[in-house]
Amino acid sequence: MELVRHRLCAFSQESTRYVDYSDDAKTEGHCQFIIPLWCPIIPEGCFTWDMARQTLITVDNKFIPIVDSGSYLWLTAMQEAEDSYKRMADLGWKPQQARSVLPNSTKTEIVMSTNLREWRHVLKMRTSSQAHPQIREIMMPLLNEFKVHLPEIFDDIEVK
């Protein structure tokens, strides 16, 4: 990820090495994946992918058919990765071994801290139009929060 390239920052990241997705009470034994911005899947929050019916099932049991072939392929790839992970766990593979089949879209949590000067640098780089769309999705709201709480330091950073 682009974010961890900033050397003057400190990062604490949840490790997929130690999270056992096949036996995680928080996720009810499922992997969690982040839907890319460019994947036009409608529901926010959690849902179940019914590959046989090519339908998303939301937490309130609404069925949403997938008509976009790219979204179908992405969802199918995530389902296959989760299935492979679970089968490996059933065969006795440790989480740190089974994680090798998990894609970049696997949800993980990261905490980043640094000084204000470096935050300015990070936000200028990661909110620019050349930055990756997914990092912009994270950094734009963060910049807006900094502008609200520390306008004298961050108001001059313009986003196009």
C-alpha atoms as a PDB file:
ATOM      1  CA  MET A   1       0.000   0.000   0.000  1.00  0.00           C
ATOM      2  CA  GLU A   2       1.187   3.497  -0.794  1.00  0.00           C
ATOM      3  CA  LEU A   3       0.649   4.689   2.752  1.00  0.00           C
ATOM      4  CA  VAL A   4       3.452   2.745   4.404  1.00  0.00           C
ATOM      5  CA  ARG A   5       6.007   4.325   2.046  1.00  0.00           C
ATOM      6  CA  HIS A   6       6.150   7.397   4.296  1.00  0.00           C
ATOM      7  CA  ARG A   7       9.274   6.869   6.402  1.00  0.00           C
ATOM      8  CA  LEU A   8       8.637   9.582   8.992  1.00  0.00           C
ATOM      9  CA  CYS A   9       5.407   7.937  10.135  1.00  0.00           C
ATOM     10  CA  ALA A  10       4.768   5.191  12.650  1.00  0.00           C
ATOM     11  CA  PHE A  11       2.356   2.411  11.666  1.00  0.00           C
ATOM     12  CA  SER A  12       0.534  -0.243  13.629  1.00  0.00           C
ATOM     13  CA  GLN A  13      -1.220  -2.669  11.324  1.00  0.00           C
ATOM     14  CA  GLU A  14      -3.422  -5.651  12.026  1.00  0.00           C
ATOM     15  CA  SER A  15      -1.574  -8.675  10.744  1.00  0.00           C
ATOM     16  CA  THR A  16      -3.277 -11.289   8.606  1.00  0.00           C
ATOM     17  CA  ARG A  17      -0.612 -13.611   9.993  1.00  0.00           C
ATOM     18  CA  TYR A  18      -2.356 -13.891  13.354  1.00  0.00           C
ATOM     19  CA  VAL A  19      -6.028 -13.394  12.443  1.00  0.00           C
ATOM     20  CA  ASP A  20      -7.753 -16.728  11.993  1.00  0.00           C
ATOM     21  CA  TYR A  21     -10.589 -15.833   9.628  1.00  0.00           C
ATOM     22  CA  SER A  22     -11.995 -19.354   9.757  1.00  0.00           C
ATOM     23  CA  ASP A  23     -12.622 -19.045  13.508  1.00  0.00           C
ATOM     24  CA  ASP A  24     -13.122 -15.300  14.080  1.00  0.00           C
ATOM     25  CA  ALA A  25     -16.146 -14.444  16.216  1.00  0.00           C
ATOM     26  CA  LYS A  26     -16.123 -10.810  15.006  1.00  0.00           C
ATOM     27  CA  THR A  27     -16.573 -11.868  11.389  1.00  0.00           C
ATOM     28  CA  GLU A  28     -18.628 -15.012  12.057  1.00  0.00           C
ATOM     29  CA  GLY A  29     -15.966 -17.115  10.358  1.00  0.00           C
ATOM     30  CA  HIS A  30     -15.856 -15.057   7.161  1.00  0.00           C
ATOM     31  CA  CYS A  31     -13.104 -13.052   5.557  1.00  0.00           C
ATOM     32  CA  GLN A  32     -13.898  -9.391   5.066  1.00  0.00           C
ATOM     33  CA  PHE A  33     -13.045  -7.679   1.794  1.00  0.00           C
ATOM     34  CA  ILE A  34     -13.013  -4.010   0.836  1.00  0.00           C
ATOM     35  CA  ILE A  35     -14.997  -3.290  -2.325  1.00  0.00           C
ATOM     36  CA  PRO A  36     -12.922  -1.152  -4.713  1.00  0.00           C
ATOM     37  CA  LEU A  37     -14.457   2.203  -5.693  1.00  0.00           C
ATOM     38  CA  TRP A  38     -14.571   1.246  -9.329  1.00  0.00           C
ATOM     39  CA  CYS A  39     -16.615  -1.884  -8.617  1.00  0.00           C
ATOM     40  CA  PRO A  40     -20.254  -0.727  -8.908  1.00  0.00           C
ATOM     41  CA  ILE A  41     -21.696  -2.793  -6.069  1.00  0.00           C
ATOM     42  CA  ILE A  42     -24.503  -0.910  -4.375  1.00  0.00           C
ATOM     43  CA  PRO A  43     -24.976  -2.022  -0.743  1.00  0.00           C
ATOM     44  CA  GLU A  44     -22.945  -0.455   2.004  1.00  0.00           C
ATOM     45  CA  GLY A  45     -21.990  -2.482   5.034  1.00  0.00           C
ATOM     46  CA  CYS A  46     -21.951  -6.251   5.206  1.00  0.00           C
ATOM     47  CA  PHE A  47     -23.602  -8.592   2.779  1.00  0.00           C
ATOM     48  CA  THR A  48     -23.421 -12.196   1.659  1.00  0.00           C
ATOM     49  CA  TRP A  49     -22.533 -13.159  -1.904  1.00  0.00           C
ATOM     50  CA  ASP A  50     -24.702 -15.974  -3.270  1.00  0.00           C
ATOM     51  CA  MET A  51     -22.530 -17.139  -6.144  1.00  0.00           C
ATOM     52  CA  ALA A  52     -25.077 -19.684  -7.427  1.00  0.00           C
ATOM     53  CA  ARG A  53     -27.783 -17.024  -7.794  1.00  0.00           C
ATOM     54  CA  GLN A  54     -25.360 -14.190  -8.697  1.00  0.00           C
ATOM     55  CA  THR A  55     -27.056 -12.137  -5.995  1.00  0.00           C
ATOM     56  CA  LEU A  56     -26.010 -10.073  -2.999  1.00  0.00           C
ATOM     57  CA  ILE A  57     -28.005 -10.675   0.171  1.00  0.00           C
ATOM     58  CA  THR A  58     -27.969  -7.700   2.532  1.00  0.00           C
ATOM     59  CA  VAL A  59     -28.192  -7.975   6.318  1.00  0.00           C
ATOM     60  CA  ASP A  60     -31.908  -7.109   6.114  1.00  0.00           C
ATOM     61  CA  ASN A  61     -32.430 -10.004   3.613  1.00  0.00           C
ATOM     62  CA  LYS A  62     -32.812  -7.905   0.461  1.00  0.00           C
ATOM     63  CA  PHE A  63     -31.652  -9.581  -2.723  1.00  0.00           C
ATOM     64  CA  ILE A  64     -29.673  -7.493  -5.191  1.00  0.00           C
ATOM     65  CA  PRO A  65     -28.799  -9.140  -8.509  1.00  0.00           C
ATOM     66  CA  ILE A  66     -25.364  -8.424 -10.013  1.00  0.00           C
ATOM     67  CA  VAL A  67     -25.512  -7.504 -13.683  1.00  0.00           C
ATOM     68  CA  ASP A  68     -22.028  -6.033 -14.115  1.00  0.00           C
ATOM     69  CA  SER A  69     -19.636  -8.782 -15.252  1.00  0.00           C
ATOM     70  CA  GLY A  70     -16.607  -7.130 -13.600  1.00  0.00           C
ATOM     71  CA  SER A  71     -18.362  -7.058 -10.238  1.00  0.00           C
ATOM     72  CA  TYR A  72     -19.393 -10.680 -10.703  1.00  0.00           C
ATOM     73  CA  LEU A  73     -15.782 -11.698 -11.392  1.00  0.00           C
ATOM     74  CA  TRP A  74     -14.497  -9.708  -8.405  1.00  0.00           C
ATOM     75  CA  LEU A  75     -17.078 -11.198  -6.017  1.00  0.00           C
ATOM     76  CA  THR A  76     -16.400 -14.693  -7.334  1.00  0.00           C
ATOM     77  CA  ALA A  77     -12.643 -14.240  -6.843  1.00  0.00           C
ATOM     78  CA  MET A  78     -13.200 -13.096  -3.234  1.00  0.00           C
ATOM     79  CA  GLN A  79     -15.483 -16.082  -2.570  1.00  0.00           C
ATOM     80  CA  GLU A  80     -12.958 -18.499  -4.038  1.00  0.00           C
ATOM     81  CA  ALA A  81     -10.148 -16.973  -1.959  1.00  0.00           C
ATOM     82  CA  GLU A  82     -12.220 -17.339   1.224  1.00  0.00           C
ATOM     83  CA  ASP A  83     -13.175 -20.907   0.343  1.00  0.00           C
ATOM     84  CA  SER A  84      -9.528 -21.813  -0.304  1.00  0.00           C
ATOM     85  CA  TYR A  85      -8.475 -20.189   2.983  1.00  0.00           C
ATOM     86  CA  LYS A  86     -11.086 -22.183   4.912  1.00  0.00           C
ATOM     87  CA  ARG A  87     -10.172 -25.465   3.203  1.00  0.00           C
ATOM     88  CA  MET A  88      -6.506 -24.906   4.074  1.00  0.00           C
ATOM     89  CA  ALA A  89      -7.467 -24.216   7.694  1.00  0.00           C
ATOM     90  CA  ASP A  90      -9.523 -27.426   7.729  1.00  0.00           C
ATOM     91  CA  LEU A  91      -6.430 -29.285   6.501  1.00  0.00           C
ATOM     92  CA  GLY A  92      -4.478 -27.958   9.477  1.00  0.00           C
ATOM     93  CA  TRP A  93      -2.696 -25.025   7.878  1.00  0.00           C
ATOM     94  CA  LYS A  94      -1.934 -22.200  10.326  1.00  0.00           C
ATOM     95  CA  PRO A  95      -3.431 -18.742   9.612  1.00  0.00           C
ATOM     96  CA  GLN A  96       0.013 -17.443   8.647  1.00  0.00           C
ATOM     97  CA  GLN A  97       0.235 -20.185   5.986  1.00  0.00           C
ATOM     98  CA  ALA A  98      -3.335 -20.032   4.692  1.00  0.00           C
ATOM     99  CA  ARG A  99      -3.228 -16.242   4.303  1.00  0.00           C
ATOM    100  CA  SER A 100      -1.097 -16.659   1.181  1.00  0.00           C
ATOM    101  CA  VAL A 101      -4.309 -17.085  -0.859  1.00  0.00           C
ATOM    102  CA  LEU A 102      -5.930 -13.892   0.452  1.00  0.00           C
ATOM    103  CA  PRO A 103      -6.064 -10.957  -2.003  1.00  0.00           C
ATOM    104  CA  ASN A 104      -5.117  -7.289  -1.555  1.00  0.00           C
ATOM    105  CA  SER A 105      -8.813  -6.557  -0.968  1.00  0.00           C
ATOM    106  CA  THR A 106      -8.733  -8.340   2.402  1.00  0.00           C
ATOM    107  CA  LYS A 107      -9.751  -5.907   5.134  1.00  0.00           C
ATOM    108  CA  THR A 108      -7.086  -4.957   7.627  1.00  0.00           C
ATOM    109  CA  GLU A 109      -6.814  -2.098  10.100  1.00  0.00           C
ATOM    110  CA  ILE A 110      -3.939   0.349  10.289  1.00  0.00           C
ATOM    111  CA  VAL A 111      -3.116   3.201  12.650  1.00  0.00           C
ATOM    112  CA  MET A 112      -0.744   5.904  11.461  1.00  0.00           C
ATOM    113  CA  SER A 113       0.865   8.645  13.525  1.00  0.00           C
ATOM    114  CA  THR A 114       3.323  11.392  12.662  1.00  0.00           C
ATOM    115  CA  ASN A 115       4.002  15.085  13.212  1.00  0.00           C
ATOM    116  CA  LEU A 116       2.007  17.881  11.561  1.00  0.00           C
ATOM    117  CA  ARG A 117       4.678  18.675   8.993  1.00  0.00           C
ATOM    118  CA  GLU A 118       4.651  15.083   7.743  1.00  0.00           C
ATOM    119  CA  TRP A 119       0.828  14.983   7.801  1.00  0.00           C
ATOM    120  CA  ARG A 120       0.880  17.974   5.437  1.00  0.00           C
ATOM    121  CA  HIS A 121       3.277  16.141   3.130  1.00  0.00           C
ATOM    122  CA  VAL A 122       1.263  12.893   3.224  1.00  0.00           C
ATOM    123  CA  LEU A 123      -2.032  14.671   2.587  1.00  0.00           C
ATOM    124  CA  LYS A 124      -0.639  16.701  -0.316  1.00  0.00           C
ATOM    125  CA  MET A 125       0.638  13.535  -1.970  1.00  0.00           C
ATOM    126  CA  ARG A 126      -2.260  11.209  -1.204  1.00  0.00           C
ATOM    127  CA  THR A 127      -5.097  13.606  -2.094  1.00  0.00           C
ATOM    128  CA  SER A 128      -3.628  14.636  -5.453  1.00  0.00           C
ATOM    129  CA  SER A 129      -5.360  13.521  -8.638  1.00  0.00           C
ATOM    130  CA  GLN A 130      -2.371  11.246  -9.383  1.00  0.00           C
ATOM    131  CA  ALA A 131      -2.795   9.266  -6.144  1.00  0.00           C
ATOM    132  CA  HIS A 132      -4.433   5.837  -6.162  1.00  0.00           C
ATOM    133  CA  PRO A 133      -8.248   6.179  -5.958  1.00  0.00           C
ATOM    134  CA  GLN A 134      -8.498   4.001  -2.845  1.00  0.00           C
ATOM    135  CA  ILE A 135      -5.914   6.031  -0.893  1.00  0.00           C
ATOM    136  CA  ARG A 136      -7.731   9.209  -1.945  1.00  0.00           C
ATOM    137  CA  GLU A 137     -10.956   7.690  -0.607  1.00  0.00           C
ATOM    138  CA  ILE A 138      -9.301   7.494   2.822  1.00  0.00           C
ATOM    139  CA  MET A 139      -7.259  10.693   2.760  1.00  0.00           C
ATOM    140  CA  MET A 140      -9.876  13.166   1.485  1.00  0.00           C
ATOM    141  CA  PRO A 141     -12.135  12.863   4.570  1.00  0.00           C
ATOM    142  CA  LEU A 142      -9.028  12.946   6.781  1.00  0.00           C
ATOM    143  CA  LEU A 143      -7.866  16.195   5.172  1.00  0.00           C
ATOM    144  CA  ASN A 144     -11.335  17.662   5.704  1.00  0.00           C
ATOM    145  CA  GLU A 145     -11.163  16.722   9.396  1.00  0.00           C
ATOM    146  CA  PHE A 146      -7.744  18.350   9.731  1.00  0.00           C
ATOM    147  CA  LYS A 147      -9.126  21.490   8.044  1.00  0.00           C
ATOM    148  CA  VAL A 148     -11.971  21.645  10.561  1.00  0.00           C
ATOM    149  CA  HIS A 149      -9.782  21.131  13.637  1.00  0.00           C
ATOM    150  CA  LEU A 150      -6.543  22.817  12.493  1.00  0.00           C
ATOM    151  CA  PRO A 151      -7.490  25.228   9.699  1.00  0.00           C
ATOM    152  CA  GLU A 152      -4.437  27.442  10.161  1.00  0.00           C
ATOM    153  CA  ILE A 153      -2.203  24.484   9.282  1.00  0.00           C
ATOM    154  CA  PHE A 154      -4.188  22.638   6.598  1.00  0.00           C
ATOM    155  CA  ASP A 155      -6.475  25.171   4.848  1.00  0.00           C
ATOM    156  CA  ASP A 156      -3.929  25.897   2.113  1.00  0.00           C
ATOM    157  CA  ILE A 157      -3.968  22.281   0.840  1.00  0.00           C
ATOM    158  CA  GLU A 158      -6.199  22.317  -2.207  1.00  0.00           C
ATOM    159  CA  VAL A 159      -7.796  19.207  -3.620  1.00  0.00           C
ATOM    160  CA  LYS A 160      -8.859  18.986  -7.247  1.00  0.00           C
END
